[in-house]
Amino acid sequence: MNKVVIPSELRRCCGGAEVVEIEAANVRGLIEALDRRFPGFAEGLGTHFAVAIDGEIVQEAWLEPLPPGSEVCFLPALSGGS
């Protein structure tokens, strides 16, 4: 099982849950599983969040494998300055 830390912006989609456990082989599967469990999660996530796996932010995370027991955090994406 993977531990998923839900950011405050998305907790309304997850019944207020701060952390959930989901089984998935990669980030895409994780988001799909979260969306099945919490309909509307994927739509709420959109493109405004970065993904961190075990504390490391991953670029192009869609197919990034998730080792069993990974901690996944969805972080609000930050935009750069001028």
PDB file of N, CA and C in Angstrom:
ATOM      1  N   MET A   1       0.843  -1.183   0.000  1.00  0.00           N
ATOM      2  CA  MET A   1       0.000   0.000   0.000  1.00  0.00           C
ATOM      3  C   MET A   1       0.885   1.243   0.000  1.00  0.00           C
ATOM      4  N   ASN A   2       0.412   2.260  -0.670  1.00  0.00           N
ATOM      5  CA  ASN A   2       1.113   3.537  -0.697  1.00  0.00           C
ATOM      6  C   ASN A   2       0.357   4.528   0.163  1.00  0.00           C
ATOM      7  N   LYS A   3       1.097   5.309   0.904  1.00  0.00           N
ATOM      8  CA  LYS A   3       0.516   6.345   1.756  1.00  0.00           C
ATOM      9  C   LYS A   3       0.443   7.626   0.925  1.00  0.00           C
ATOM     10  N   VAL A   4      -0.764   8.210   0.837  1.00  0.00           N
ATOM     11  CA  VAL A   4      -0.958   9.422   0.055  1.00  0.00           C
ATOM     12  C   VAL A   4      -1.351  10.553   0.990  1.00  0.00           C
ATOM     13  N   VAL A   5      -0.562  11.608   0.990  1.00  0.00           N
ATOM     14  CA  VAL A   5      -0.850  12.795   1.793  1.00  0.00           C
ATOM     15  C   VAL A   5      -1.685  13.728   0.926  1.00  0.00           C
ATOM     16  N   ILE A   6      -2.887  14.026   1.391  1.00  0.00           N
ATOM     17  CA  ILE A   6      -3.827  14.852   0.628  1.00  0.00           C
ATOM     18  C   ILE A   6      -3.667  16.312   1.063  1.00  0.00           C
ATOM     19  N   PRO A   7      -3.356  17.212   0.131  1.00  0.00           N
ATOM     20  CA  PRO A   7      -3.229  18.621   0.500  1.00  0.00           C
ATOM     21  C   PRO A   7      -4.586  19.207   0.891  1.00  0.00           C
ATOM     22  N   SER A   8      -4.556  20.235   1.708  1.00  0.00           N
ATOM     23  CA  SER A   8      -5.798  20.824   2.212  1.00  0.00           C
ATOM     24  C   SER A   8      -6.735  21.246   1.085  1.00  0.00           C
ATOM     25  N   GLU A   9      -6.189  21.676  -0.054  1.00  0.00           N
ATOM     26  CA  GLU A   9      -7.011  22.115  -1.181  1.00  0.00           C
ATOM     27  C   GLU A   9      -7.857  20.987  -1.769  1.00  0.00           C
ATOM     28  N   LEU A  10      -7.449  19.726  -1.554  1.00  0.00           N
ATOM     29  CA  LEU A  10      -8.157  18.589  -2.140  1.00  0.00           C
ATOM     30  C   LEU A  10      -8.916  17.749  -1.118  1.00  0.00           C
ATOM     31  N   ARG A  11      -8.814  18.084   0.139  1.00  0.00           N
ATOM     32  CA  ARG A  11      -9.475  17.266   1.163  1.00  0.00           C
ATOM     33  C   ARG A  11     -10.981  17.268   1.027  1.00  0.00           C
ATOM     34  N   ARG A  12     -11.546  18.329   0.473  1.00  0.00           N
ATOM     35  CA  ARG A  12     -13.000  18.367   0.268  1.00  0.00           C
ATOM     36  C   ARG A  12     -13.427  17.260  -0.685  1.00  0.00           C
ATOM     37  N   CYS A  13     -12.540  16.863  -1.601  1.00  0.00           N
ATOM     38  CA  CYS A  13     -12.827  15.772  -2.541  1.00  0.00           C
ATOM     39  C   CYS A  13     -12.727  14.402  -1.876  1.00  0.00           C
ATOM     40  N   CYS A  14     -12.073  14.361  -0.719  1.00  0.00           N
ATOM     41  CA  CYS A  14     -11.773  13.086  -0.060  1.00  0.00           C
ATOM     42  C   CYS A  14     -12.458  12.953   1.286  1.00  0.00           C
ATOM     43  N   GLY A  15     -13.569  13.630   1.456  1.00  0.00           N
ATOM     44  CA  GLY A  15     -14.291  13.534   2.710  1.00  0.00           C
ATOM     45  C   GLY A  15     -13.511  14.060   3.898  1.00  0.00           C
ATOM     46  N   GLY A  16     -12.564  14.958   3.650  1.00  0.00           N
ATOM     47  CA  GLY A  16     -11.776  15.558   4.713  1.00  0.00           C
ATOM     48  C   GLY A  16     -10.538  14.773   5.105  1.00  0.00           C
ATOM     49  N   ALA A  17     -10.295  13.635   4.457  1.00  0.00           N
ATOM     50  CA  ALA A  17      -9.136  12.798   4.804  1.00  0.00           C
ATOM     51  C   ALA A  17      -7.828  13.531   4.535  1.00  0.00           C
ATOM     52  N   GLU A  18      -6.900  13.431   5.483  1.00  0.00           N
ATOM     53  CA  GLU A  18      -5.570  14.018   5.325  1.00  0.00           C
ATOM     54  C   GLU A  18      -4.600  13.022   4.712  1.00  0.00           C
ATOM     55  N   VAL A  19      -4.792  11.743   5.015  1.00  0.00           N
ATOM     56  CA  VAL A  19      -3.922  10.674   4.525  1.00  0.00           C
ATOM     57  C   VAL A  19      -4.802   9.485   4.161  1.00  0.00           C
ATOM     58  N   VAL A  20      -4.524   8.875   3.016  1.00  0.00           N
ATOM     59  CA  VAL A  20      -5.216   7.650   2.623  1.00  0.00           C
ATOM     60  C   VAL A  20      -4.180   6.644   2.137  1.00  0.00           C
ATOM     61  N   GLU A  21      -4.534   5.377   2.185  1.00  0.00           N
ATOM     62  CA  GLU A  21      -3.665   4.331   1.658  1.00  0.00           C
ATOM     63  C   GLU A  21      -4.302   3.750   0.414  1.00  0.00           C
ATOM     64  N   ILE A  22      -3.506   3.684  -0.647  1.00  0.00           N
ATOM     65  CA  ILE A  22      -3.974   3.214  -1.949  1.00  0.00           C
ATOM     66  C   ILE A  22      -2.886   2.320  -2.545  1.00  0.00           C
ATOM     67  N   GLU A  23      -3.291   1.244  -3.167  1.00  0.00           N
ATOM     68  CA  GLU A  23      -2.369   0.359  -3.882  1.00  0.00           C
ATOM     69  C   GLU A  23      -2.305   0.803  -5.334  1.00  0.00           C
ATOM     70  N   ALA A  24      -1.108   1.039  -5.853  1.00  0.00           N
ATOM     71  CA  ALA A  24      -0.942   1.413  -7.256  1.00  0.00           C
ATOM     72  C   ALA A  24       0.503   1.169  -7.678  1.00  0.00           C
ATOM     73  N   ALA A  25       0.690   0.857  -8.957  1.00  0.00           N
ATOM     74  CA  ALA A  25       2.024   0.586  -9.488  1.00  0.00           C
ATOM     75  C   ALA A  25       2.751   1.850  -9.928  1.00  0.00           C
ATOM     76  N   ASN A  26       1.974   2.899 -10.297  1.00  0.00           N
ATOM     77  CA  ASN A  26       2.593   4.148 -10.728  1.00  0.00           C
ATOM     78  C   ASN A  26       1.654   5.308 -10.382  1.00  0.00           C
ATOM     79  N   VAL A  27       2.105   6.526 -10.624  1.00  0.00           N
ATOM     80  CA  VAL A  27       1.333   7.712 -10.247  1.00  0.00           C
ATOM     81  C   VAL A  27       0.002   7.762 -11.007  1.00  0.00           C
ATOM     82  N   ARG A  28       0.012   7.416 -12.266  1.00  0.00           N
ATOM     83  CA  ARG A  28      -1.243   7.408 -13.035  1.00  0.00           C
ATOM     84  C   ARG A  28      -2.263   6.469 -12.389  1.00  0.00           C
ATOM     85  N   GLY A  29      -1.830   5.257 -12.062  1.00  0.00           N
ATOM     86  CA  GLY A  29      -2.714   4.299 -11.410  1.00  0.00           C
ATOM     87  C   GLY A  29      -3.185   4.785 -10.052  1.00  0.00           C
ATOM     88  N   LEU A  30      -2.316   5.491  -9.356  1.00  0.00           N
ATOM     89  CA  LEU A  30      -2.669   6.043  -8.045  1.00  0.00           C
ATOM     90  C   LEU A  30      -3.783   7.079  -8.183  1.00  0.00           C
ATOM     91  N   ILE A  31      -3.632   7.988  -9.141  1.00  0.00           N
ATOM     92  CA  ILE A  31      -4.654   9.021  -9.359  1.00  0.00           C
ATOM     93  C   ILE A  31      -5.968   8.384  -9.797  1.00  0.00           C
ATOM     94  N   GLU A  32      -5.900   7.377 -10.669  1.00  0.00           N
ATOM     95  CA  GLU A  32      -7.116   6.688 -11.100  1.00  0.00           C
ATOM     96  C   GLU A  32      -7.800   5.992  -9.924  1.00  0.00           C
ATOM     97  N   ALA A  33      -7.022   5.344  -9.060  1.00  0.00           N
ATOM     98  CA  ALA A  33      -7.581   4.666  -7.886  1.00  0.00           C
ATOM     99  C   ALA A  33      -8.195   5.677  -6.917  1.00  0.00           C
ATOM    100  N   LEU A  34      -7.522   6.806  -6.740  1.00  0.00           N
ATOM    101  CA  LEU A  34      -8.075   7.855  -5.877  1.00  0.00           C
ATOM    102  C   LEU A  34      -9.381   8.394  -6.453  1.00  0.00           C
ATOM    103  N   ASP A  35      -9.431   8.533  -7.769  1.00  0.00           N
ATOM    104  CA  ASP A  35     -10.638   9.057  -8.403  1.00  0.00           C
ATOM    105  C   ASP A  35     -11.800   8.057  -8.316  1.00  0.00           C
ATOM    106  N   ARG A  36     -11.490   6.766  -8.368  1.00  0.00           N
ATOM    107  CA  ARG A  36     -12.551   5.761  -8.184  1.00  0.00           C
ATOM    108  C   ARG A  36     -13.078   5.800  -6.743  1.00  0.00           C
ATOM    109  N   ARG A  37     -12.163   5.948  -5.813  1.00  0.00           N
ATOM    110  CA  ARG A  37     -12.549   5.973  -4.389  1.00  0.00           C
ATOM    111  C   ARG A  37     -13.227   7.283  -4.017  1.00  0.00           C
ATOM    112  N   PHE A  38     -12.721   8.377  -4.576  1.00  0.00           N
ATOM    113  CA  PHE A  38     -13.239   9.716  -4.296  1.00  0.00           C
ATOM    114  C   PHE A  38     -13.568  10.395  -5.626  1.00  0.00           C
ATOM    115  N   PRO A  39     -14.755  10.133  -6.182  1.00  0.00           N
ATOM    116  CA  PRO A  39     -15.107  10.720  -7.480  1.00  0.00           C
ATOM    117  C   PRO A  39     -14.905  12.238  -7.491  1.00  0.00           C
ATOM    118  N   GLY A  40     -14.226  12.705  -8.532  1.00  0.00           N
ATOM    119  CA  GLY A  40     -13.930  14.132  -8.667  1.00  0.00           C
ATOM    120  C   GLY A  40     -12.517  14.491  -8.236  1.00  0.00           C
ATOM    121  N   PHE A  41     -11.791  13.528  -7.648  1.00  0.00           N
ATOM    122  CA  PHE A  41     -10.425  13.818  -7.190  1.00  0.00           C
ATOM    123  C   PHE A  41      -9.533  14.247  -8.351  1.00  0.00           C
ATOM    124  N   ALA A  42      -9.537  13.474  -9.439  1.00  0.00           N
ATOM    125  CA  ALA A  42      -8.653  13.776 -10.575  1.00  0.00           C
ATOM    126  C   ALA A  42      -8.969  15.149 -11.166  1.00  0.00           C
ATOM    127  N   GLU A  43     -10.241  15.470 -11.259  1.00  0.00           N
ATOM    128  CA  GLU A  43     -10.637  16.782 -11.785  1.00  0.00           C
ATOM    129  C   GLU A  43     -10.146  17.889 -10.854  1.00  0.00           C
ATOM    130  N   GLY A  44     -10.272  17.683  -9.554  1.00  0.00           N
ATOM    131  CA  GLY A  44      -9.798  18.671  -8.581  1.00  0.00           C
ATOM    132  C   GLY A  44      -8.291  18.834  -8.627  1.00  0.00           C
ATOM    133  N   LEU A  45      -7.592  17.727  -8.891  1.00  0.00           N
ATOM    134  CA  LEU A  45      -6.134  17.759  -8.974  1.00  0.00           C
ATOM    135  C   LEU A  45      -5.689  18.573 -10.181  1.00  0.00           C
ATOM    136  N   GLY A  46      -6.327  18.352 -11.308  1.00  0.00           N
ATOM    137  CA  GLY A  46      -6.000  19.102 -12.525  1.00  0.00           C
ATOM    138  C   GLY A  46      -4.512  19.098 -12.825  1.00  0.00           C
ATOM    139  N   THR A  47      -3.990  20.240 -13.218  1.00  0.00           N
ATOM    140  CA  THR A  47      -2.560  20.370 -13.534  1.00  0.00           C
ATOM    141  C   THR A  47      -1.869  21.320 -12.574  1.00  0.00           C
ATOM    142  N   HIS A  48      -2.523  21.630 -11.470  1.00  0.00           N
ATOM    143  CA  HIS A  48      -1.993  22.632 -10.552  1.00  0.00           C
ATOM    144  C   HIS A  48      -1.225  22.044  -9.380  1.00  0.00           C
ATOM    145  N   PHE A  49      -0.827  20.774  -9.500  1.00  0.00           N
ATOM    146  CA  PHE A  49      -0.124  20.133  -8.406  1.00  0.00           C
ATOM    147  C   PHE A  49       1.106  19.406  -8.906  1.00  0.00           C
ATOM    148  N   ALA A  50       2.173  19.461  -8.099  1.00  0.00           N
ATOM    149  CA  ALA A  50       3.383  18.685  -8.353  1.00  0.00           C
ATOM    150  C   ALA A  50       3.271  17.408  -7.526  1.00  0.00           C
ATOM    151  N   VAL A  51       4.090  16.415  -7.859  1.00  0.00           N
ATOM    152  CA  VAL A  51       4.066  15.139  -7.154  1.00  0.00           C
ATOM    153  C   VAL A  51       5.420  14.897  -6.513  1.00  0.00           C
ATOM    154  N   ALA A  52       5.401  14.523  -5.238  1.00  0.00           N
ATOM    155  CA  ALA A  52       6.621  14.127  -4.538  1.00  0.00           C
ATOM    156  C   ALA A  52       6.454  12.678  -4.105  1.00  0.00           C
ATOM    157  N   ILE A  53       7.476  11.876  -4.381  1.00  0.00           N
ATOM    158  CA  ILE A  53       7.484  10.475  -3.975  1.00  0.00           C
ATOM    159  C   ILE A  53       8.621  10.299  -2.993  1.00  0.00           C
ATOM    160  N   ASP A  54       8.271   9.879  -1.791  1.00  0.00           N
ATOM    161  CA  ASP A  54       9.255   9.705  -0.719  1.00  0.00           C
ATOM    162  C   ASP A  54      10.124  10.950  -0.545  1.00  0.00           C
ATOM    163  N   GLY A  55       9.482  12.118  -0.592  1.00  0.00           N
ATOM    164  CA  GLY A  55      10.158  13.377  -0.327  1.00  0.00           C
ATOM    165  C   GLY A  55      10.876  14.000  -1.507  1.00  0.00           C
ATOM    166  N   GLU A  56      10.848  13.366  -2.674  1.00  0.00           N
ATOM    167  CA  GLU A  56      11.538  13.900  -3.850  1.00  0.00           C
ATOM    168  C   GLU A  56      10.519  14.285  -4.916  1.00  0.00           C
ATOM    169  N   ILE A  57      10.542  15.557  -5.327  1.00  0.00           N
ATOM    170  CA  ILE A  57       9.629  16.021  -6.369  1.00  0.00           C
ATOM    171  C   ILE A  57      10.034  15.384  -7.694  1.00  0.00           C
ATOM    172  N   VAL A  58       9.039  14.835  -8.379  1.00  0.00           N
ATOM    173  CA  VAL A  58       9.286  14.106  -9.621  1.00  0.00           C
ATOM    174  C   VAL A  58       8.672  14.877 -10.788  1.00  0.00           C
ATOM    175  N   GLN A  59       9.478  15.149 -11.800  1.00  0.00           N
ATOM    176  CA  GLN A  59       9.001  15.791 -13.018  1.00  0.00           C
ATOM    177  C   GLN A  59       8.397  14.717 -13.914  1.00  0.00           C
ATOM    178  N   GLU A  60       7.369  15.049 -14.660  1.00  0.00           N
ATOM    179  CA  GLU A  60       6.734  14.084 -15.566  1.00  0.00           C
ATOM    180  C   GLU A  60       6.420  12.795 -14.808  1.00  0.00           C
ATOM    181  N   ALA A  61       5.692  12.922 -13.724  1.00  0.00           N
ATOM    182  CA  ALA A  61       5.477  11.818 -12.790  1.00  0.00           C
ATOM    183  C   ALA A  61       4.429  10.812 -13.229  1.00  0.00           C
ATOM    184  N   TRP A  62       3.691  11.052 -14.285  1.00  0.00           N
ATOM    185  CA  TRP A  62       2.536  10.245 -14.674  1.00  0.00           C
ATOM    186  C   TRP A  62       2.821   8.737 -14.636  1.00  0.00           C
ATOM    187  N   LEU A  63       3.934   8.292 -15.218  1.00  0.00           N
ATOM    188  CA  LEU A  63       4.255   6.866 -15.264  1.00  0.00           C
ATOM    189  C   LEU A  63       5.346   6.461 -14.275  1.00  0.00           C
ATOM    190  N   GLU A  64       5.683   7.345 -13.365  1.00  0.00           N
ATOM    191  CA  GLU A  64       6.719   7.060 -12.372  1.00  0.00           C
ATOM    192  C   GLU A  64       6.282   5.871 -11.509  1.00  0.00           C
ATOM    193  N   PRO A  65       7.132   4.825 -11.424  1.00  0.00           N
ATOM    194  CA  PRO A  65       6.767   3.666 -10.608  1.00  0.00           C
ATOM    195  C   PRO A  65       6.714   4.021  -9.122  1.00  0.00           C
ATOM    196  N   LEU A  66       5.848   3.316  -8.414  1.00  0.00           N
ATOM    197  CA  LEU A  66       5.707   3.506  -6.972  1.00  0.00           C
ATOM    198  C   LEU A  66       6.112   2.222  -6.257  1.00  0.00           C
ATOM    199  N   PRO A  67       7.277   2.217  -5.619  1.00  0.00           N
ATOM    200  CA  PRO A  67       7.641   1.036  -4.844  1.00  0.00           C
ATOM    201  C   PRO A  67       6.633   0.838  -3.703  1.00  0.00           C
ATOM    202  N   PRO A  68       6.374  -0.408  -3.315  1.00  0.00           N
ATOM    203  CA  PRO A  68       5.450  -0.648  -2.206  1.00  0.00           C
ATOM    204  C   PRO A  68       5.859   0.149  -0.966  1.00  0.00           C
ATOM    205  N   GLY A  69       4.886   0.748  -0.308  1.00  0.00           N
ATOM    206  CA  GLY A  69       5.153   1.522   0.900  1.00  0.00           C
ATOM    207  C   GLY A  69       5.598   2.947   0.662  1.00  0.00           C
ATOM    208  N   SER A  70       5.536   3.413  -0.583  1.00  0.00           N
ATOM    209  CA  SER A  70       5.936   4.791  -0.893  1.00  0.00           C
ATOM    210  C   SER A  70       4.976   5.785  -0.258  1.00  0.00           C
ATOM    211  N   GLU A  71       5.514   6.965   0.042  1.00  0.00           N
ATOM    212  CA  GLU A  71       4.674   8.079   0.469  1.00  0.00           C
ATOM    213  C   GLU A  71       4.592   9.060  -0.688  1.00  0.00           C
ATOM    214  N   VAL A  72       3.374   9.377  -1.092  1.00  0.00           N
ATOM    215  CA  VAL A  72       3.147  10.284  -2.216  1.00  0.00           C
ATOM    216  C   VAL A  72       2.447  11.529  -1.702  1.00  0.00           C
ATOM    217  N   CYS A  73       2.990  12.680  -2.073  1.00  0.00           N
ATOM    218  CA  CYS A  73       2.387  13.953  -1.689  1.00  0.00           C
ATOM    219  C   CYS A  73       2.071  14.739  -2.954  1.00  0.00           C
ATOM    220  N   PHE A  74       0.885  15.319  -2.980  1.00  0.00           N
ATOM    221  CA  PHE A  74       0.513  16.235  -4.050  1.00  0.00           C
ATOM    222  C   PHE A  74       0.713  17.635  -3.503  1.00  0.00           C
ATOM    223  N   LEU A  75       1.590  18.396  -4.154  1.00  0.00           N
ATOM    224  CA  LEU A  75       1.955  19.730  -3.684  1.00  0.00           C
ATOM    225  C   LEU A  75       1.418  20.790  -4.650  1.00  0.00           C
ATOM    226  N   PRO A  76       0.829  21.856  -4.120  1.00  0.00           N
ATOM    227  CA  PRO A  76       0.381  22.924  -5.015  1.00  0.00           C
ATOM    228  C   PRO A  76       1.563  23.421  -5.859  1.00  0.00           C
ATOM    229  N   ALA A  77       1.378  23.490  -7.173  1.00  0.00           N
ATOM    230  CA  ALA A  77       2.443  23.960  -8.061  1.00  0.00           C
ATOM    231  C   ALA A  77       2.652  25.448  -7.843  1.00  0.00           C
ATOM    232  N   LEU A  78       3.906  25.840  -7.856  1.00  0.00           N
ATOM    233  CA  LEU A  78       4.264  27.243  -7.699  1.00  0.00           C
ATOM    234  C   LEU A  78       4.674  27.803  -9.043  1.00  0.00           C
ATOM    235  N   SER A  79       4.281  29.017  -9.316  1.00  0.00           N
ATOM    236  CA  SER A  79       4.704  29.652 -10.552  1.00  0.00           C
ATOM    237  C   SER A  79       5.881  30.568 -10.264  1.00  0.00           C
ATOM    238  N   GLY A  80       6.748  30.727 -11.244  1.00  0.00           N
ATOM    239  CA  GLY A  80       7.951  31.532 -11.081  1.00  0.00           C
ATOM    240  C   GLY A  80       7.676  33.016 -11.185  1.00  0.00           C
ATOM    241  N   GLY A  81       8.698  33.788 -10.877  1.00  0.00           N
ATOM    242  CA  GLY A  81       8.605  35.246 -10.953  1.00  0.00           C
ATOM    243  C   GLY A  81       8.796  35.740 -12.371  1.00  0.00           C
ATOM    244  N   SER A  82       9.062  37.027 -12.503  1.00  0.00           N
ATOM    245  CA  SER A  82       9.182  37.598 -13.842  1.00  0.00           C
ATOM    246  C   SER A  82      10.599  37.527 -14.346  1.00  0.00           C
TER     247      SER A  82
END
